[in-house]
Amino acid sequence: MAENTKGVEWNPERPDVGDIEAAYLTSRERALIWKQDVRIIPLCAAIYLLCYLDRSNIGNARILNENTGDDLLTETNMTPYQYTISLMVFLIAYALFEVPSNYFLKKLRPSKWIAFLMLGWGASTMGLGGAHNYAQVTGIRFLLGVMEAGLFPGLVYFLTFWYRNSERSMRVALILASATLAGAFGGAIAYGVGHMNQTHGLSAWRWLFIIEGAPSCASALLVWFFLPDYPETASWLDAEERELAVRRLQTEGSKGTAHAMTWADAEEVLTDWRLYAHYAVYFGISAPFSSLSLFTPAITSGLGYTSLRAQLMTVPPWAVAYVVTTAAAWSADHFNSRGLHSAAFSFIGAMGFLASAVLPPDAYLHRYGCLIVATSGSFACIPPLLGWLSSNLRSTAGTGLAIALNVSIGAPGQIAGVWIYKANEAKSGYPTGHWTNAALLLFVCAGCVSLRVYYGWRNRRSNAGDKFAY
């Protein structure tokens, strides 16, 4: 084993390393993590922000300038039912292509595969700006789902090559929280683009797709060259840093040099029943996740806000959710308690939806506050859930498959999320959507507590070297 510059062998398990040397080693590790963070996390967060913006902007396009008849549904002659179908086909593609996409991420290298996906979904989003009928919108949304399917599970998998279990939830949160920023930016951008209606003969909703799809296409080139693949091949780390990065992940991270997935890897993951409990919990959070992503503009327009002001009022719920999500993930990592954090915030989100369901439809201000609470709780419980799953996996290939399966099995929940906010319930405050999301979040809460109890029981019965993370 190589030595550091002070002649002390790097071994975090050694009990005989002195305080000075141990502090030195800790400072080296902190410096390495910071260097990785600066290179990786802002870029990944920006990638996911663009992805989420291009996925959810159809919700803004639906109501953009609808008071003048220049909105998406009117110009494409789509009914609300057909619009919902177009949302659903995206999620069908999303579910089908997540697992194969994570396989290609490892097979072809993360930077190259993610750059290809970005170019694909950016072009698809711009293509929506030229759609003229239901068939075109639906076909392009399916293609968009194919391209975006691999990004989020791919980024979560990608982080396992760089960070330990205790370091991932916060970083997953910073990436996922960019989705809340996308929600905030999306409303603000839609508000501004709404004033471009009929510029050069194009309706504002067409400009919205073109303007928000172009950055993804342009950024694909940056990702190709600047997103690092694995610590083992990172030229921006010196030899000592690369060695330290590899060693610190020997027992709890994925390996860039590991082989692509084999049938034995797949069989181990597919036959581990406890993972299906994680998948079931993620299924529960998927409906609130997708419904908030797609229907927040419609929900706010049903709270007494109209036209472009409805777009602007989508910003505060997402801005608050960003702060809450990052704070919750930091706390989950700091206290090494991911399950209970997810349980707590899913309960908070459930209460927000429950209050929205029971309040009178015209209690606009109170229901707007409940929307902020529901959005914050729903998103804040997701990063600890994903960090918890990856912390309890052992092999590189198995981690990639399990993460992809987790998000993929959640896709039916996302599909359910596109149906629960019914257009004919707008005047009554969308009770079906709120009740359904409240029930699913309470299921998430119960599932997290049950898994936490199960892992505690297993840890008490097992040897010290075979413990599950909480």
Protein backbone atom coordinates (compact mmCIF):
# COMPACT_ATOMS: atom_id res chain seq x y z
CA MET A 1 0.00 0.00 0.00
CA ALA A 2 1.40 3.39 -1.01
CA GLU A 3 2.33 6.01 1.56
CA ASN A 4 1.36 9.63 1.81
CA THR A 5 3.81 12.49 1.89
CA LYS A 6 4.23 12.23 5.65
CA GLY A 7 5.09 8.55 5.49
CA VAL A 8 1.83 7.44 7.10
CA GLU A 9 0.06 4.58 5.35
CA TRP A 10 -3.48 5.52 4.32
CA ASN A 11 -5.82 3.29 6.25
CA PRO A 12 -8.98 4.73 7.83
CA GLU A 13 -9.48 1.57 9.89
CA ARG A 14 -6.12 1.68 11.71
CA PRO A 15 -6.50 2.42 15.41
CA ASP A 16 -2.84 3.31 15.90
CA VAL A 17 -2.61 6.41 13.73
CA GLY A 18 -1.81 9.42 15.90
CA ASP A 19 -4.03 12.45 16.22
CA ILE A 20 -1.81 14.66 14.07
CA GLU A 21 -1.52 12.13 11.28
CA ALA A 22 -5.22 11.31 11.47
CA ALA A 23 -6.08 15.01 11.24
CA TYR A 24 -3.71 15.29 8.29
CA LEU A 25 -5.39 12.41 6.54
CA THR A 26 -8.82 13.87 7.23
CA SER A 27 -7.76 17.22 5.79
CA ARG A 28 -6.43 15.49 2.68
CA GLU A 29 -9.72 13.70 2.27
CA ARG A 30 -11.72 16.88 2.77
CA ALA A 31 -9.60 18.66 0.18
CA LEU A 32 -10.16 15.81 -2.28
CA ILE A 33 -13.91 15.78 -1.71
CA TRP A 34 -14.09 19.53 -2.21
CA LYS A 35 -12.12 19.24 -5.43
CA GLN A 36 -14.52 16.55 -6.66
CA ASP A 37 -17.53 18.61 -5.60
CA VAL A 38 -16.42 21.68 -7.52
CA ARG A 39 -15.88 19.65 -10.68
CA ILE A 40 -18.89 17.33 -10.49
CA ILE A 41 -21.87 18.66 -8.51
CA PRO A 42 -22.56 22.04 -10.21
CA LEU A 43 -22.31 20.40 -13.62
CA CYS A 44 -24.62 17.52 -12.66
CA ALA A 45 -27.10 19.91 -11.07
CA ALA A 46 -27.12 22.07 -14.20
CA ILE A 47 -27.69 18.98 -16.38
CA TYR A 48 -30.66 17.88 -14.30
CA LEU A 49 -32.06 21.41 -14.17
CA LEU A 50 -32.13 21.50 -17.98
CA CYS A 51 -33.62 18.00 -18.09
CA TYR A 52 -36.39 18.84 -15.65
CA LEU A 53 -37.10 22.15 -17.35
CA ASP A 54 -37.59 20.38 -20.69
CA ARG A 55 -39.75 17.67 -19.10
CA SER A 56 -42.13 19.90 -17.19
CA ASN A 57 -42.49 22.93 -19.46
CA ILE A 58 -45.47 21.32 -21.17
CA GLY A 59 -47.43 22.20 -18.02
CA ASN A 60 -46.56 25.86 -18.55
CA ALA A 61 -47.33 25.61 -22.28
CA ARG A 62 -50.79 24.27 -21.52
CA ILE A 63 -52.03 27.46 -19.86
CA LEU A 64 -49.73 30.01 -21.53
CA ASN A 65 -51.93 32.71 -23.14
CA GLU A 66 -55.02 30.52 -22.92
CA ASN A 67 -57.09 33.66 -22.36
CA THR A 68 -56.37 34.66 -25.98
CA GLY A 69 -56.68 31.16 -27.45
CA ASP A 70 -52.95 30.93 -28.23
CA ASP A 71 -52.20 28.05 -25.86
CA LEU A 72 -50.94 24.54 -26.63
CA LEU A 73 -54.28 22.73 -26.45
CA THR A 74 -56.17 25.23 -28.58
CA GLU A 75 -53.61 25.41 -31.40
CA THR A 76 -53.11 21.63 -31.60
CA ASN A 77 -56.85 20.88 -31.22
CA MET A 78 -56.09 18.58 -28.26
CA THR A 79 -58.66 17.71 -25.61
CA PRO A 80 -57.66 17.54 -21.92
CA TYR A 81 -57.87 13.74 -22.21
CA GLN A 82 -55.45 13.70 -25.17
CA TYR A 83 -53.15 16.05 -23.29
CA THR A 84 -53.05 13.58 -20.40
CA ILE A 85 -52.26 10.74 -22.81
CA SER A 86 -49.32 12.75 -24.16
CA LEU A 87 -48.03 13.10 -20.60
CA MET A 88 -48.46 9.39 -19.98
CA VAL A 89 -46.56 8.18 -23.04
CA PHE A 90 -43.52 10.14 -21.83
CA LEU A 91 -43.60 8.15 -18.61
CA ILE A 92 -44.08 4.83 -20.40
CA ALA A 93 -40.90 5.50 -22.38
CA TYR A 94 -39.25 6.67 -19.17
CA ALA A 95 -40.02 3.36 -17.45
CA LEU A 96 -38.93 1.18 -20.37
CA PHE A 97 -35.55 2.76 -21.02
CA GLU A 98 -34.12 3.46 -17.54
CA VAL A 99 -32.49 0.07 -16.99
CA PRO A 100 -30.86 -0.21 -20.44
CA SER A 101 -29.69 3.39 -20.15
CA ASN A 102 -27.81 2.69 -16.90
CA TYR A 103 -26.18 -0.30 -18.59
CA PHE A 104 -24.91 1.91 -21.43
CA LEU A 105 -23.72 4.57 -18.97
CA LYS A 106 -21.20 2.07 -17.57
CA LYS A 107 -20.51 0.44 -20.93
CA LEU A 108 -19.85 3.65 -22.89
CA ARG A 109 -18.61 6.01 -20.09
CA PRO A 110 -20.82 8.55 -18.29
CA SER A 111 -19.62 11.69 -20.08
CA LYS A 112 -20.30 10.34 -23.57
CA TRP A 113 -23.65 8.73 -22.77
CA ILE A 114 -25.07 11.70 -20.84
CA ALA A 115 -23.94 14.12 -23.58
CA PHE A 116 -25.78 12.00 -26.15
CA LEU A 117 -28.93 11.99 -24.01
CA MET A 118 -28.77 15.77 -23.58
CA LEU A 119 -28.53 16.38 -27.30
CA GLY A 120 -31.47 14.03 -27.85
CA TRP A 121 -33.83 15.54 -25.31
CA GLY A 122 -32.89 19.12 -26.23
CA ALA A 123 -33.68 18.48 -29.89
CA SER A 124 -36.93 16.75 -28.93
CA THR A 125 -38.00 19.71 -26.80
CA MET A 126 -37.31 22.15 -29.63
CA GLY A 127 -39.29 19.83 -31.92
CA LEU A 128 -42.34 20.28 -29.71
CA GLY A 129 -42.30 23.92 -30.74
CA GLY A 130 -43.20 22.79 -34.25
CA ALA A 131 -45.98 20.35 -33.32
CA HIS A 132 -49.38 20.98 -34.88
CA ASN A 133 -51.56 18.11 -33.70
CA TYR A 134 -52.11 15.49 -31.03
CA ALA A 135 -50.15 12.76 -32.84
CA GLN A 136 -47.07 14.94 -33.22
CA VAL A 137 -47.12 16.08 -29.59
CA THR A 138 -47.54 12.51 -28.35
CA GLY A 139 -44.81 11.07 -30.60
CA ILE A 140 -42.30 13.73 -29.62
CA ARG A 141 -43.12 13.32 -25.94
CA PHE A 142 -42.42 9.59 -26.25
CA LEU A 143 -39.02 10.33 -27.81
CA LEU A 144 -38.35 12.86 -25.04
CA GLY A 145 -39.07 10.14 -22.46
CA VAL A 146 -36.62 7.76 -24.16
CA MET A 147 -33.86 10.36 -23.99
CA GLU A 148 -34.52 11.59 -20.46
CA ALA A 149 -35.08 8.12 -18.97
CA GLY A 150 -31.48 7.42 -18.12
CA LEU A 151 -30.46 10.75 -16.67
CA PHE A 152 -31.62 10.78 -13.06
CA PRO A 153 -30.86 7.12 -12.23
CA GLY A 154 -27.67 7.57 -14.22
CA LEU A 155 -26.57 10.56 -12.13
CA VAL A 156 -27.35 8.74 -8.86
CA TYR A 157 -25.36 5.74 -10.12
CA PHE A 158 -22.56 8.06 -11.29
CA LEU A 159 -22.15 9.51 -7.79
CA THR A 160 -21.46 6.04 -6.38
CA PHE A 161 -18.17 6.06 -8.31
CA TRP A 162 -17.03 9.19 -6.48
CA TYR A 163 -18.57 9.33 -2.98
CA ARG A 164 -19.05 7.21 0.09
CA ASN A 165 -22.46 6.21 1.43
CA SER A 166 -22.49 8.97 4.03
CA GLU A 167 -21.66 11.60 1.40
CA ARG A 168 -24.26 10.84 -1.26
CA SER A 169 -27.63 12.03 0.07
CA MET A 170 -26.54 15.65 0.22
CA ARG A 171 -25.13 15.52 -3.28
CA VAL A 172 -28.15 13.72 -4.68
CA ALA A 173 -30.21 16.44 -3.00
CA LEU A 174 -28.25 19.24 -4.64
CA ILE A 175 -28.89 17.59 -7.99
CA LEU A 176 -32.54 16.77 -7.32
CA ALA A 177 -33.14 20.19 -5.81
CA SER A 178 -32.20 21.67 -9.17
CA ALA A 179 -35.55 20.27 -10.28
CA THR A 180 -37.23 22.62 -7.82
CA LEU A 181 -35.12 25.44 -9.26
CA ALA A 182 -36.27 24.35 -12.71
CA GLY A 183 -39.85 24.63 -11.45
CA ALA A 184 -39.14 28.13 -10.20
CA PHE A 185 -37.23 29.19 -13.31
CA GLY A 186 -39.82 27.52 -15.54
CA GLY A 187 -42.59 29.68 -14.15
CA ALA A 188 -40.48 32.83 -14.38
CA ILE A 189 -39.33 32.03 -17.93
CA ALA A 190 -42.89 31.21 -19.01
CA TYR A 191 -44.01 34.55 -17.58
CA GLY A 192 -41.40 36.37 -19.67
CA VAL A 193 -41.90 34.29 -22.81
CA GLY A 194 -45.64 34.86 -22.54
CA HIS A 195 -45.00 38.42 -23.67
CA MET A 196 -43.44 37.09 -26.90
CA ASN A 197 -46.78 35.81 -28.15
CA GLN A 198 -46.99 36.03 -31.97
CA THR A 199 -43.42 37.30 -32.27
CA HIS A 200 -42.37 36.36 -35.83
CA GLY A 201 -45.74 34.67 -36.17
CA LEU A 202 -45.13 32.08 -33.43
CA SER A 203 -47.25 31.62 -30.32
CA ALA A 204 -45.52 32.00 -26.96
CA TRP A 205 -45.83 28.31 -26.10
CA ARG A 206 -43.81 27.45 -29.23
CA TRP A 207 -41.12 29.95 -28.23
CA LEU A 208 -41.09 28.38 -24.77
CA PHE A 209 -40.12 24.95 -26.14
CA ILE A 210 -37.53 26.39 -28.53
CA ILE A 211 -35.91 28.65 -25.95
CA GLU A 212 -35.76 25.97 -23.23
CA GLY A 213 -34.59 23.15 -25.52
CA ALA A 214 -31.67 25.02 -27.11
CA PRO A 215 -29.46 25.19 -23.97
CA SER A 216 -29.60 21.40 -23.58
CA CYS A 217 -28.32 20.91 -27.12
CA ALA A 218 -25.52 23.44 -26.63
CA SER A 219 -24.55 22.07 -23.22
CA ALA A 220 -24.11 18.54 -24.55
CA LEU A 221 -20.74 19.57 -25.96
CA LEU A 222 -19.59 20.84 -22.55
CA VAL A 223 -20.68 17.61 -20.86
CA TRP A 224 -18.81 15.51 -23.46
CA PHE A 225 -15.51 17.22 -22.60
CA PHE A 226 -15.86 18.31 -18.96
CA LEU A 227 -17.90 15.68 -17.08
CA PRO A 228 -15.35 13.31 -15.46
CA ASP A 229 -15.96 9.60 -15.77
CA TYR A 230 -14.18 7.80 -12.90
CA PRO A 231 -11.55 8.68 -10.28
CA GLU A 232 -9.21 6.13 -11.87
CA THR A 233 -9.13 8.14 -15.11
CA ALA A 234 -9.46 11.72 -13.82
CA SER A 235 -6.56 13.71 -15.32
CA TRP A 236 -7.41 16.72 -13.13
CA LEU A 237 -6.45 14.70 -10.04
CA ASP A 238 -2.78 14.08 -9.39
CA ALA A 239 -1.51 10.53 -8.82
CA GLU A 240 -1.78 10.77 -5.04
CA GLU A 241 -5.33 12.14 -5.20
CA ARG A 242 -6.41 9.41 -7.60
CA GLU A 243 -5.01 6.76 -5.29
CA LEU A 244 -6.77 8.29 -2.30
CA ALA A 245 -10.05 8.59 -4.24
CA VAL A 246 -9.93 4.92 -5.20
CA ARG A 247 -8.94 3.63 -1.77
CA ARG A 248 -11.60 5.49 0.15
CA LEU A 249 -14.27 3.75 -1.94
CA GLN A 250 -12.85 0.23 -1.79
CA THR A 251 -15.61 -1.10 0.46
CA GLU A 252 -18.60 1.17 -0.22
CA GLY A 253 -18.50 2.58 -3.71
CA SER A 254 -18.71 1.59 -7.35
CA LYS A 255 -15.53 1.00 -9.33
CA GLY A 256 -14.70 2.51 -12.70
CA THR A 257 -12.63 -0.56 -13.52
CA ALA A 258 -15.44 -2.98 -12.68
CA HIS A 259 -16.96 -5.08 -15.43
CA ALA A 260 -20.30 -4.35 -17.03
CA MET A 261 -23.30 -6.13 -15.55
CA THR A 262 -23.45 -9.93 -15.83
CA TRP A 263 -26.38 -12.26 -15.28
CA ALA A 264 -24.99 -13.14 -11.83
CA ASP A 265 -25.06 -9.45 -10.86
CA ALA A 266 -28.60 -9.10 -12.16
CA GLU A 267 -29.79 -12.26 -10.42
CA GLU A 268 -28.40 -11.08 -7.07
CA VAL A 269 -30.34 -7.82 -7.32
CA LEU A 270 -33.52 -9.32 -8.75
CA THR A 271 -33.79 -11.95 -6.02
CA ASP A 272 -33.08 -9.66 -3.05
CA TRP A 273 -36.59 -9.13 -1.66
CA ARG A 274 -35.68 -6.27 0.69
CA LEU A 275 -34.90 -4.10 -2.33
CA TYR A 276 -38.50 -4.44 -3.44
CA ALA A 277 -39.54 -2.69 -0.24
CA HIS A 278 -37.37 0.25 -1.34
CA TYR A 279 -38.95 0.12 -4.78
CA ALA A 280 -42.45 0.12 -3.28
CA VAL A 281 -41.63 3.17 -1.17
CA TYR A 282 -40.27 4.99 -4.23
CA PHE A 283 -43.44 4.06 -6.12
CA GLY A 284 -45.37 5.93 -3.42
CA ILE A 285 -43.42 9.15 -3.87
CA SER A 286 -43.57 9.02 -7.67
CA ALA A 287 -47.17 10.20 -8.08
CA PRO A 288 -46.70 13.38 -6.00
CA PHE A 289 -43.38 13.98 -7.80
CA SER A 290 -44.88 13.79 -11.29
CA SER A 291 -48.17 15.50 -10.53
CA LEU A 292 -46.47 18.49 -8.94
CA SER A 293 -44.03 18.66 -11.84
CA LEU A 294 -46.76 18.78 -14.46
CA PHE A 295 -49.75 20.37 -12.76
CA THR A 296 -48.38 23.11 -10.49
CA PRO A 297 -49.27 25.77 -13.11
CA ALA A 298 -52.80 24.34 -13.36
CA ILE A 299 -53.12 24.14 -9.56
CA THR A 300 -52.05 27.77 -9.12
CA SER A 301 -54.41 28.90 -11.88
CA GLY A 302 -57.18 27.27 -9.82
CA LEU A 303 -56.22 29.34 -6.79
CA GLY A 304 -57.53 32.61 -8.15
CA TYR A 305 -54.49 33.45 -10.30
CA THR A 306 -55.01 33.82 -14.02
CA SER A 307 -53.05 34.15 -17.27
CA LEU A 308 -49.37 35.08 -16.87
CA ARG A 309 -49.72 35.75 -13.14
CA ALA A 310 -50.46 32.04 -12.64
CA GLN A 311 -47.06 31.29 -14.18
CA LEU A 312 -45.35 33.70 -11.81
CA MET A 313 -47.07 32.25 -8.74
CA THR A 314 -45.52 28.82 -9.40
CA VAL A 315 -42.14 30.23 -8.36
CA PRO A 316 -42.47 30.44 -4.51
CA PRO A 317 -43.42 26.75 -3.91
CA TRP A 318 -40.39 25.57 -5.86
CA ALA A 319 -38.04 28.12 -4.29
CA VAL A 320 -39.03 27.04 -0.76
CA ALA A 321 -38.77 23.38 -1.77
CA TYR A 322 -35.17 23.95 -2.90
CA VAL A 323 -34.14 25.21 0.53
CA VAL A 324 -36.02 22.49 2.42
CA THR A 325 -34.71 19.68 0.18
CA THR A 326 -31.05 20.65 0.58
CA ALA A 327 -31.42 21.18 4.33
CA ALA A 328 -33.15 17.81 4.78
CA ALA A 329 -30.44 15.97 2.82
CA TRP A 330 -27.64 17.65 4.79
CA SER A 331 -29.32 16.63 8.03
CA ALA A 332 -29.86 13.04 6.79
CA ASP A 333 -26.17 12.66 5.98
CA HIS A 334 -24.98 14.49 9.08
CA PHE A 335 -27.00 12.30 11.45
CA ASN A 336 -26.65 9.18 9.25
CA SER A 337 -30.42 8.74 9.43
CA ARG A 338 -31.92 8.64 5.96
CA GLY A 339 -34.96 6.47 6.61
CA LEU A 340 -36.37 8.58 9.42
CA HIS A 341 -35.73 11.81 7.52
CA SER A 342 -37.65 10.49 4.52
CA ALA A 343 -40.45 9.35 6.82
CA ALA A 344 -40.67 12.77 8.49
CA PHE A 345 -40.75 14.82 5.31
CA SER A 346 -43.16 12.49 3.50
CA PHE A 347 -45.50 12.96 6.49
CA ILE A 348 -45.15 16.74 6.23
CA GLY A 349 -45.94 16.56 2.50
CA ALA A 350 -48.96 14.37 3.21
CA MET A 351 -50.31 16.91 5.66
CA GLY A 352 -49.96 19.65 3.04
CA PHE A 353 -52.01 17.67 0.53
CA LEU A 354 -54.51 16.59 3.18
CA ALA A 355 -55.14 20.17 4.26
CA SER A 356 -55.58 21.20 0.61
CA ALA A 357 -58.17 18.45 0.17
CA VAL A 358 -60.32 19.44 3.16
CA LEU A 359 -60.13 23.24 2.86
CA PRO A 360 -62.96 25.01 0.98
CA PRO A 361 -62.18 25.50 -2.74
CA ASP A 362 -62.24 29.30 -2.34
CA ALA A 363 -59.73 29.35 0.57
CA TYR A 364 -57.11 30.42 -1.94
CA LEU A 365 -54.44 31.83 0.35
CA HIS A 366 -54.55 28.89 2.77
CA ARG A 367 -54.47 26.35 -0.04
CA TYR A 368 -51.55 28.17 -1.64
CA GLY A 369 -49.64 27.81 1.64
CA CYS A 370 -50.55 24.11 1.68
CA LEU A 371 -49.15 23.77 -1.85
CA ILE A 372 -45.82 25.14 -0.60
CA VAL A 373 -45.78 22.66 2.31
CA ALA A 374 -46.79 19.74 0.07
CA THR A 375 -44.13 20.55 -2.54
CA SER A 376 -41.39 20.93 0.06
CA GLY A 377 -42.21 17.69 1.88
CA SER A 378 -42.64 15.66 -1.30
CA PHE A 379 -39.28 16.62 -2.77
CA ALA A 380 -37.30 16.67 0.49
CA CYS A 381 -37.92 12.97 1.19
CA ILE A 382 -36.50 11.77 -2.15
CA PRO A 383 -32.69 12.34 -1.81
CA PRO A 384 -32.43 10.46 1.51
CA LEU A 385 -34.44 7.60 -0.05
CA LEU A 386 -32.00 7.28 -2.95
CA GLY A 387 -28.97 7.65 -0.71
CA TRP A 388 -30.41 4.97 1.59
CA LEU A 389 -30.86 2.51 -1.27
CA SER A 390 -27.36 2.97 -2.70
CA SER A 391 -25.84 2.72 0.79
CA ASN A 392 -27.22 -0.80 1.17
CA LEU A 393 -25.84 -2.19 -2.09
CA ARG A 394 -22.46 -3.79 -2.54
CA SER A 395 -21.47 -4.37 -6.19
CA THR A 396 -20.88 -1.79 -8.94
CA ALA A 397 -23.11 -3.46 -11.54
CA GLY A 398 -25.75 -4.35 -8.94
CA THR A 399 -25.90 -0.73 -7.78
CA GLY A 400 -26.56 0.51 -11.32
CA LEU A 401 -29.32 -2.05 -11.86
CA ALA A 402 -31.00 -1.49 -8.49
CA ILE A 403 -31.06 2.31 -8.86
CA ALA A 404 -32.49 2.04 -12.37
CA LEU A 405 -35.09 -0.50 -11.24
CA ASN A 406 -36.02 1.72 -8.31
CA VAL A 407 -36.78 4.70 -10.54
CA SER A 408 -38.28 2.51 -13.26
CA ILE A 409 -40.72 0.77 -10.91
CA GLY A 410 -41.67 4.22 -9.67
CA ALA A 411 -42.74 5.12 -13.22
CA PRO A 412 -46.24 3.56 -12.88
CA GLY A 413 -46.66 5.87 -9.90
CA GLN A 414 -45.67 8.79 -12.10
CA ILE A 415 -48.17 7.62 -14.71
CA ALA A 416 -50.87 7.62 -12.02
CA GLY A 417 -49.80 11.15 -11.17
CA VAL A 418 -50.82 12.46 -14.59
CA TRP A 419 -54.41 11.27 -14.15
CA ILE A 420 -55.27 12.35 -10.62
CA TYR A 421 -55.54 16.11 -11.27
CA LYS A 422 -58.70 16.12 -13.36
CA ALA A 423 -59.55 19.16 -15.47
CA ASN A 424 -63.24 18.96 -14.48
CA GLU A 425 -62.28 19.33 -10.79
CA ALA A 426 -60.53 22.67 -11.16
CA LYS A 427 -63.38 24.63 -9.59
CA SER A 428 -63.62 22.23 -6.64
CA GLY A 429 -59.89 22.44 -5.91
CA TYR A 430 -58.68 19.12 -7.40
CA PRO A 431 -59.72 16.96 -4.41
CA THR A 432 -58.90 13.64 -6.12
CA GLY A 433 -55.29 14.67 -6.71
CA HIS A 434 -54.77 15.97 -3.18
CA TRP A 435 -56.36 12.96 -1.46
CA THR A 436 -54.39 10.51 -3.60
CA ASN A 437 -51.07 12.23 -2.99
CA ALA A 438 -51.75 12.46 0.75
CA ALA A 439 -52.50 8.72 0.93
CA LEU A 440 -49.39 7.78 -1.07
CA LEU A 441 -47.12 9.96 1.08
CA LEU A 442 -48.50 8.36 4.24
CA PHE A 443 -47.66 5.00 2.62
CA VAL A 444 -44.11 6.27 2.03
CA CYS A 445 -43.88 7.33 5.68
CA ALA A 446 -45.05 3.92 6.93
CA GLY A 447 -42.71 2.11 4.52
CA CYS A 448 -39.67 4.09 5.64
CA VAL A 449 -40.39 3.45 9.32
CA SER A 450 -40.91 -0.27 8.64
CA LEU A 451 -37.65 -0.56 6.70
CA ARG A 452 -35.80 1.33 9.44
CA VAL A 453 -37.14 -1.09 12.06
CA TYR A 454 -36.23 -4.09 9.87
CA TYR A 455 -32.66 -2.91 9.27
CA GLY A 456 -32.21 -2.21 12.97
CA TRP A 457 -33.35 -5.76 13.76
CA ARG A 458 -31.02 -7.22 11.11
CA ASN A 459 -28.06 -5.20 12.39
CA ARG A 460 -28.55 -6.45 15.93
CA ARG A 461 -28.45 -10.03 14.66
CA SER A 462 -25.51 -9.68 12.25
CA ASN A 463 -21.77 -9.37 12.60
CA ALA A 464 -20.20 -5.93 12.79
CA GLY A 465 -18.93 -6.14 9.20
CA ASP A 466 -22.33 -6.87 7.66
CA LYS A 467 -24.51 -3.98 8.78
CA PHE A 468 -27.15 -2.11 6.84
CA ALA A 469 -27.25 1.68 6.66
CA TYR A 470 -30.18 3.55 8.20
